[in-house]
Amino acid sequence: MLNWGSSKTVIELWSDHTISLRTQLFWQSPGAARIAGVSSVAFVTILSAFLASAVEFVEAVTIVLAVGVTRQWRSALIGVAAAVVTLAILIAVFGSALALFVPIGVLRLVVGAFLVIYGLQWLTKAVLRAAGAKGKHDEAAIFAAEVAGLTAGLTDEPPVATSGMDWISFTVAFKGVLLEGLEVAFIVVTFGASANLLGPAVLGAVLAGLLVVAIAVVVHRPLERVPENAMKFVVGVMLTGFGTFWSGEGVGIAWPGDDLAILLLLAGYLLLALLGVWIVRTLARRPSEPNVPAGAGIPPS
């Protein structure tokens, strides 16, 4: 309603009223709902790629630190750069190929199924670790094992080159970063191709890599205080939720609320995972029944 008692002119009041009405109509339209849905999916995609990539980058940094400390930093960093370039090419080629040549329905069905399997693997391990039934990932122990392995091999390997390339450092760093990065590439490609959000997925992975590397440069030791299991727990929920959503779309399921249904799936899987932690802890605390020999307790005839 126009406020005729205001000091504004009639034209100014009418202009404000028109803008307000248009804004309300826009946010009530289906187009605005789609924009809000896409924005939420893009944010969750960035967050999923960031967390999953951070976990893998932490493990890769542990390997590179071990190589740099025991062998040669220059060759190890060259190996890291070569692995990063290889991963970038793989993401660009396979991400574009999947998006251009594979029908979106088939792509979402297949990729969704893989994400569900992959996410449940991460989630199962995270649930067992959170419940205390499985040992947690110890980056300090892994670093010590890598250093011990490289040090033990010094007697059989050629000495570290004072100048030029040390191919042992290059190879170990390249293989370590490439193997850990392949999981990052898989998540980035599947998220980007299925949701047509390759840019946000790549952005999440790049931010994670920059953050982990920056922290490693500052502390110059394994990132053992990173809550790796909690991150895997969250990533497992996200991968499973997105995989379920995209698999459903691939077989023609019309999810209520469109992309916003992903949030409900994530909440449901999170509750199931927390319930799993409680069940495993309860079973672990239950005292085991003593083994009773066969025939015990039966009176002799």
Protein backbone atom coordinates (compact mmCIF):
# COMPACT_ATOMS: atom_id res chain seq x y z
CA MET A 1 0.00 0.00 0.00
CA LEU A 2 1.25 3.44 -0.89
CA ASN A 3 2.17 5.69 2.05
CA TRP A 4 0.62 9.04 1.05
CA GLY A 5 1.80 10.67 4.27
CA SER A 6 5.46 10.26 3.31
CA SER A 7 7.63 13.18 2.27
CA LYS A 8 8.39 11.41 -1.03
CA THR A 9 6.66 12.47 -4.21
CA VAL A 10 3.88 10.40 -5.72
CA ILE A 11 6.18 9.24 -8.53
CA GLU A 12 8.86 8.07 -6.04
CA LEU A 13 6.27 6.23 -3.96
CA TRP A 14 4.81 4.53 -7.01
CA SER A 15 8.31 3.52 -8.22
CA ASP A 16 9.18 1.98 -4.83
CA HIS A 17 5.86 0.12 -4.78
CA THR A 18 6.41 -1.24 -8.31
CA ILE A 19 9.95 -2.45 -7.52
CA SER A 20 8.77 -4.15 -4.33
CA LEU A 21 5.92 -5.88 -6.20
CA ARG A 22 8.23 -7.10 -8.96
CA THR A 23 10.70 -8.43 -6.40
CA GLN A 24 7.96 -10.38 -4.62
CA LEU A 25 6.66 -11.81 -7.90
CA PHE A 26 10.19 -12.87 -8.94
CA TRP A 27 10.95 -14.79 -5.75
CA GLN A 28 7.54 -16.48 -5.97
CA SER A 29 8.20 -17.64 -9.54
CA PRO A 30 9.47 -21.11 -10.57
CA GLY A 31 12.56 -19.48 -12.07
CA ALA A 32 13.62 -18.09 -8.72
CA ALA A 33 13.17 -21.50 -7.12
CA ARG A 34 15.41 -23.01 -9.78
CA ILE A 35 18.06 -20.33 -9.16
CA ALA A 36 17.94 -20.99 -5.42
CA GLY A 37 18.15 -24.72 -6.04
CA VAL A 38 21.13 -24.39 -8.38
CA SER A 39 22.90 -22.10 -5.91
CA SER A 40 22.45 -24.60 -3.08
CA VAL A 41 23.63 -27.49 -5.26
CA ALA A 42 26.66 -25.48 -6.40
CA PHE A 43 27.55 -24.71 -2.80
CA VAL A 44 27.22 -28.35 -1.74
CA THR A 45 29.26 -29.39 -4.80
CA ILE A 46 32.07 -27.00 -3.84
CA LEU A 47 31.95 -28.20 -0.23
CA SER A 48 31.96 -31.89 -1.20
CA ALA A 49 34.87 -31.48 -3.61
CA PHE A 50 36.74 -29.37 -1.06
CA LEU A 51 36.42 -31.88 1.81
CA ALA A 52 37.11 -34.96 -0.32
CA SER A 53 40.10 -33.30 -1.96
CA ALA A 54 41.46 -32.05 1.37
CA VAL A 55 41.50 -35.61 2.74
CA GLU A 56 43.43 -36.91 -0.27
CA PHE A 57 45.78 -33.91 -0.36
CA VAL A 58 46.68 -34.42 3.30
CA GLU A 59 47.73 -38.00 2.51
CA ALA A 60 49.66 -36.87 -0.58
CA VAL A 61 51.46 -34.14 1.39
CA THR A 62 52.59 -36.75 3.94
CA ILE A 63 54.29 -38.75 1.16
CA VAL A 64 55.91 -35.68 -0.38
CA LEU A 65 57.23 -34.50 3.00
CA ALA A 66 58.78 -37.92 3.63
CA VAL A 67 60.49 -37.88 0.23
CA GLY A 68 61.71 -34.30 0.59
CA VAL A 69 63.14 -34.88 4.06
CA THR A 70 64.99 -38.09 3.20
CA ARG A 71 65.94 -37.51 -0.45
CA GLN A 72 65.74 -34.26 -2.44
CA TRP A 73 63.13 -31.50 -2.32
CA ARG A 74 63.70 -30.19 -5.85
CA SER A 75 63.03 -33.51 -7.59
CA ALA A 76 60.11 -34.28 -5.28
CA LEU A 77 58.43 -30.96 -6.12
CA ILE A 78 58.99 -31.53 -9.83
CA GLY A 79 57.25 -34.90 -9.42
CA VAL A 80 54.36 -33.15 -7.65
CA ALA A 81 54.04 -30.63 -10.49
CA ALA A 82 54.05 -33.40 -13.10
CA ALA A 83 51.33 -35.30 -11.23
CA VAL A 84 49.17 -32.15 -10.90
CA VAL A 85 49.46 -31.45 -14.64
CA THR A 86 48.53 -35.07 -15.41
CA LEU A 87 45.48 -34.87 -13.15
CA ALA A 88 44.39 -31.55 -14.68
CA ILE A 89 44.54 -33.08 -18.17
CA LEU A 90 42.55 -36.11 -17.04
CA ILE A 91 39.86 -33.91 -15.47
CA ALA A 92 39.62 -31.67 -18.54
CA VAL A 93 39.50 -34.55 -21.04
CA PHE A 94 37.20 -36.95 -19.24
CA GLY A 95 34.97 -34.24 -17.77
CA SER A 96 34.38 -32.68 -21.18
CA ALA A 97 33.98 -36.05 -22.91
CA LEU A 98 31.38 -37.25 -20.42
CA ALA A 99 29.43 -34.01 -20.63
CA LEU A 100 29.49 -33.86 -24.45
CA PHE A 101 29.10 -37.46 -25.61
CA VAL A 102 27.18 -39.34 -22.91
CA PRO A 103 23.40 -38.77 -22.56
CA ILE A 104 22.67 -37.01 -19.30
CA GLY A 105 20.21 -39.68 -18.12
CA VAL A 106 22.67 -42.53 -18.65
CA LEU A 107 25.48 -40.46 -17.17
CA ARG A 108 23.58 -39.67 -13.99
CA LEU A 109 22.48 -43.28 -13.55
CA VAL A 110 25.97 -44.75 -13.94
CA VAL A 111 27.82 -42.00 -12.09
CA GLY A 112 25.21 -41.97 -9.35
CA ALA A 113 25.62 -45.70 -8.80
CA PHE A 114 29.40 -45.33 -8.58
CA LEU A 115 29.07 -42.44 -6.14
CA VAL A 116 26.74 -44.46 -3.90
CA ILE A 117 29.23 -47.36 -3.82
CA TYR A 118 32.19 -45.04 -3.31
CA GLY A 119 30.41 -42.96 -0.68
CA LEU A 120 29.26 -46.00 1.29
CA GLN A 121 32.85 -47.26 1.40
CA TRP A 122 34.02 -43.96 2.89
CA LEU A 123 31.02 -43.82 5.22
CA THR A 124 31.47 -47.38 6.48
CA LYS A 125 35.09 -46.76 7.41
CA ALA A 126 34.21 -43.43 9.03
CA VAL A 127 31.40 -45.01 11.07
CA LEU A 128 33.68 -47.82 12.28
CA ARG A 129 36.42 -45.34 13.21
CA ALA A 130 33.98 -43.02 14.97
CA ALA A 131 32.63 -45.96 16.96
CA GLY A 132 36.13 -47.10 17.93
CA ALA A 133 35.89 -50.41 16.04
CA LYS A 134 38.64 -49.41 13.57
CA GLY A 135 41.90 -47.56 14.10
CA LYS A 136 41.97 -43.94 12.94
CA HIS A 137 44.21 -42.69 10.16
CA ASP A 138 47.51 -41.59 11.76
CA GLU A 139 49.47 -39.29 9.46
CA ALA A 140 52.43 -39.16 11.87
CA ALA A 141 52.73 -42.96 11.81
CA ILE A 142 52.41 -43.01 8.01
CA PHE A 143 55.10 -40.35 7.73
CA ALA A 144 57.42 -42.33 10.01
CA ALA A 145 56.81 -45.49 7.98
CA GLU A 146 57.54 -43.67 4.70
CA VAL A 147 60.75 -42.19 6.08
CA ALA A 148 61.83 -45.57 7.47
CA GLY A 149 61.14 -47.25 4.14
CA LEU A 150 63.09 -44.66 2.18
CA THR A 151 65.96 -44.68 4.69
CA ALA A 152 66.16 -48.47 4.66
CA GLY A 153 66.40 -48.41 0.89
CA LEU A 154 69.34 -46.01 0.82
CA THR A 155 71.82 -48.85 1.06
CA ASP A 156 70.46 -50.43 -2.11
CA GLU A 157 69.67 -47.25 -4.02
CA PRO A 158 72.14 -44.80 -5.55
CA PRO A 159 73.07 -41.80 -3.37
CA VAL A 160 71.06 -38.60 -3.62
CA ALA A 161 72.33 -36.39 -6.41
CA THR A 162 73.72 -33.08 -5.19
CA SER A 163 72.69 -31.47 -8.49
CA GLY A 164 70.35 -32.46 -11.26
CA MET A 165 67.40 -34.82 -11.01
CA ASP A 166 66.97 -37.46 -8.32
CA TRP A 167 64.63 -39.88 -10.08
CA ILE A 168 63.76 -41.79 -6.92
CA SER A 169 62.40 -38.61 -5.31
CA PHE A 170 60.60 -37.70 -8.51
CA THR A 171 59.02 -41.14 -8.95
CA VAL A 172 57.86 -41.59 -5.35
CA ALA A 173 56.37 -38.09 -5.19
CA PHE A 174 54.76 -38.43 -8.63
CA LYS A 175 53.18 -41.80 -7.83
CA GLY A 176 51.99 -40.68 -4.41
CA VAL A 177 50.32 -37.49 -5.63
CA LEU A 178 48.91 -39.16 -8.74
CA LEU A 179 47.35 -42.09 -6.87
CA GLU A 180 45.82 -39.88 -4.18
CA GLY A 181 44.79 -37.33 -6.78
CA LEU A 182 42.98 -39.87 -8.94
CA GLU A 183 40.30 -40.08 -6.26
CA VAL A 184 40.04 -36.29 -6.34
CA ALA A 185 39.78 -36.38 -10.13
CA PHE A 186 37.06 -39.03 -9.95
CA ILE A 187 34.96 -36.97 -7.54
CA VAL A 188 35.48 -33.73 -9.48
CA VAL A 189 34.62 -35.31 -12.84
CA THR A 190 31.56 -37.16 -11.57
CA PHE A 191 30.18 -34.16 -9.73
CA GLY A 192 30.93 -31.79 -12.57
CA ALA A 193 29.55 -33.98 -15.34
CA SER A 194 26.39 -35.12 -13.53
CA ALA A 195 25.30 -31.73 -12.20
CA ASN A 196 26.83 -29.70 -15.06
CA LEU A 197 28.92 -27.99 -12.37
CA LEU A 198 32.48 -28.87 -13.35
CA GLY A 199 33.63 -25.33 -12.49
CA PRO A 200 32.43 -25.39 -8.85
CA ALA A 201 33.82 -28.91 -8.38
CA VAL A 202 37.23 -27.86 -9.71
CA LEU A 203 37.10 -24.74 -7.54
CA GLY A 204 36.50 -26.81 -4.40
CA ALA A 205 39.41 -29.12 -5.23
CA VAL A 206 41.77 -26.22 -6.00
CA LEU A 207 40.89 -24.41 -2.77
CA ALA A 208 41.52 -27.59 -0.79
CA GLY A 209 44.88 -28.13 -2.46
CA LEU A 210 46.01 -24.56 -1.87
CA LEU A 211 44.94 -24.66 1.78
CA VAL A 212 46.62 -28.00 2.55
CA VAL A 213 49.84 -27.03 0.79
CA ALA A 214 49.94 -23.65 2.54
CA ILE A 215 49.51 -25.27 5.95
CA ALA A 216 52.15 -27.89 5.14
CA VAL A 217 54.62 -25.20 4.11
CA VAL A 218 54.04 -23.31 7.36
CA VAL A 219 54.19 -26.25 9.79
CA HIS A 220 56.64 -28.31 7.68
CA ARG A 221 55.46 -31.61 9.14
CA PRO A 222 52.60 -34.10 8.67
CA LEU A 223 49.13 -32.64 9.20
CA GLU A 224 48.23 -35.06 11.96
CA ARG A 225 45.76 -32.71 13.67
CA VAL A 226 43.45 -32.47 10.67
CA PRO A 227 40.07 -34.07 11.59
CA GLU A 228 40.42 -36.50 8.73
CA ASN A 229 37.84 -39.02 9.92
CA ALA A 230 35.21 -36.32 10.48
CA MET A 231 35.87 -35.04 6.96
CA LYS A 232 35.53 -38.54 5.51
CA PHE A 233 32.30 -38.95 7.47
CA VAL A 234 30.84 -35.80 5.89
CA VAL A 235 32.15 -36.64 2.41
CA GLY A 236 30.72 -40.17 2.63
CA VAL A 237 27.29 -38.72 3.45
CA MET A 238 27.54 -36.22 0.58
CA LEU A 239 28.70 -38.74 -2.02
CA THR A 240 25.97 -41.20 -1.06
CA GLY A 241 23.29 -38.50 -1.04
CA PHE A 242 24.26 -37.04 -4.41
CA GLY A 243 24.67 -40.53 -5.88
CA THR A 244 21.17 -41.51 -4.77
CA PHE A 245 19.69 -38.31 -6.20
CA TRP A 246 21.40 -38.64 -9.58
CA SER A 247 20.65 -42.36 -9.87
CA GLY A 248 17.00 -41.58 -9.22
CA GLU A 249 17.01 -38.90 -11.90
CA GLY A 250 18.68 -41.33 -14.27
CA VAL A 251 15.76 -43.80 -13.96
CA GLY A 252 13.17 -41.04 -14.22
CA ILE A 253 12.29 -40.30 -10.59
CA ALA A 254 10.81 -36.81 -10.14
CA TRP A 255 12.16 -35.75 -6.77
CA PRO A 256 9.87 -33.49 -4.75
CA GLY A 257 11.35 -30.00 -4.59
CA ASP A 258 13.75 -30.80 -7.45
CA ASP A 259 17.36 -30.14 -6.38
CA LEU A 260 16.33 -29.20 -2.85
CA ALA A 261 15.54 -32.89 -2.28
CA ILE A 262 19.30 -33.43 -2.05
CA LEU A 263 19.31 -31.71 1.33
CA LEU A 264 16.69 -34.14 2.63
CA LEU A 265 18.70 -37.10 1.33
CA LEU A 266 21.85 -35.78 3.00
CA ALA A 267 20.00 -35.32 6.29
CA GLY A 268 18.59 -38.85 6.06
CA TYR A 269 21.96 -40.46 5.37
CA LEU A 270 23.55 -38.42 8.16
CA LEU A 271 20.98 -39.69 10.66
CA LEU A 272 21.48 -43.28 9.46
CA ALA A 273 25.26 -42.92 9.80
CA LEU A 274 24.97 -41.54 13.34
CA LEU A 275 22.61 -44.41 14.17
CA GLY A 276 25.22 -46.79 12.78
CA VAL A 277 27.87 -45.31 15.08
CA TRP A 278 25.57 -45.81 18.07
CA ILE A 279 24.78 -49.42 17.11
CA VAL A 280 28.45 -50.32 16.61
CA ARG A 281 29.43 -48.74 19.94
CA THR A 282 26.60 -50.56 21.71
CA LEU A 283 27.61 -53.91 20.24
CA ALA A 284 31.28 -53.29 21.06
CA ARG A 285 30.48 -52.55 24.72
CA ARG A 286 28.27 -55.60 25.13
CA PRO A 287 30.20 -58.30 27.05
CA SER A 288 30.87 -61.37 25.01
CA GLU A 289 29.15 -64.55 26.11
CA PRO A 290 31.52 -67.23 27.43
CA ASN A 291 31.99 -70.26 25.26
CA VAL A 292 30.02 -73.16 26.75
CA PRO A 293 31.29 -76.62 25.81
CA ALA A 294 28.83 -78.81 24.02
CA GLY A 295 26.81 -80.90 26.46
CA ALA A 296 27.62 -78.71 29.46
CA GLY A 297 24.80 -78.34 31.93
CA ILE A 298 23.12 -81.57 30.87
CA PRO A 299 22.83 -83.94 33.85
CA PRO A 300 24.38 -87.36 33.34
CA SER A 301 21.88 -90.10 32.63
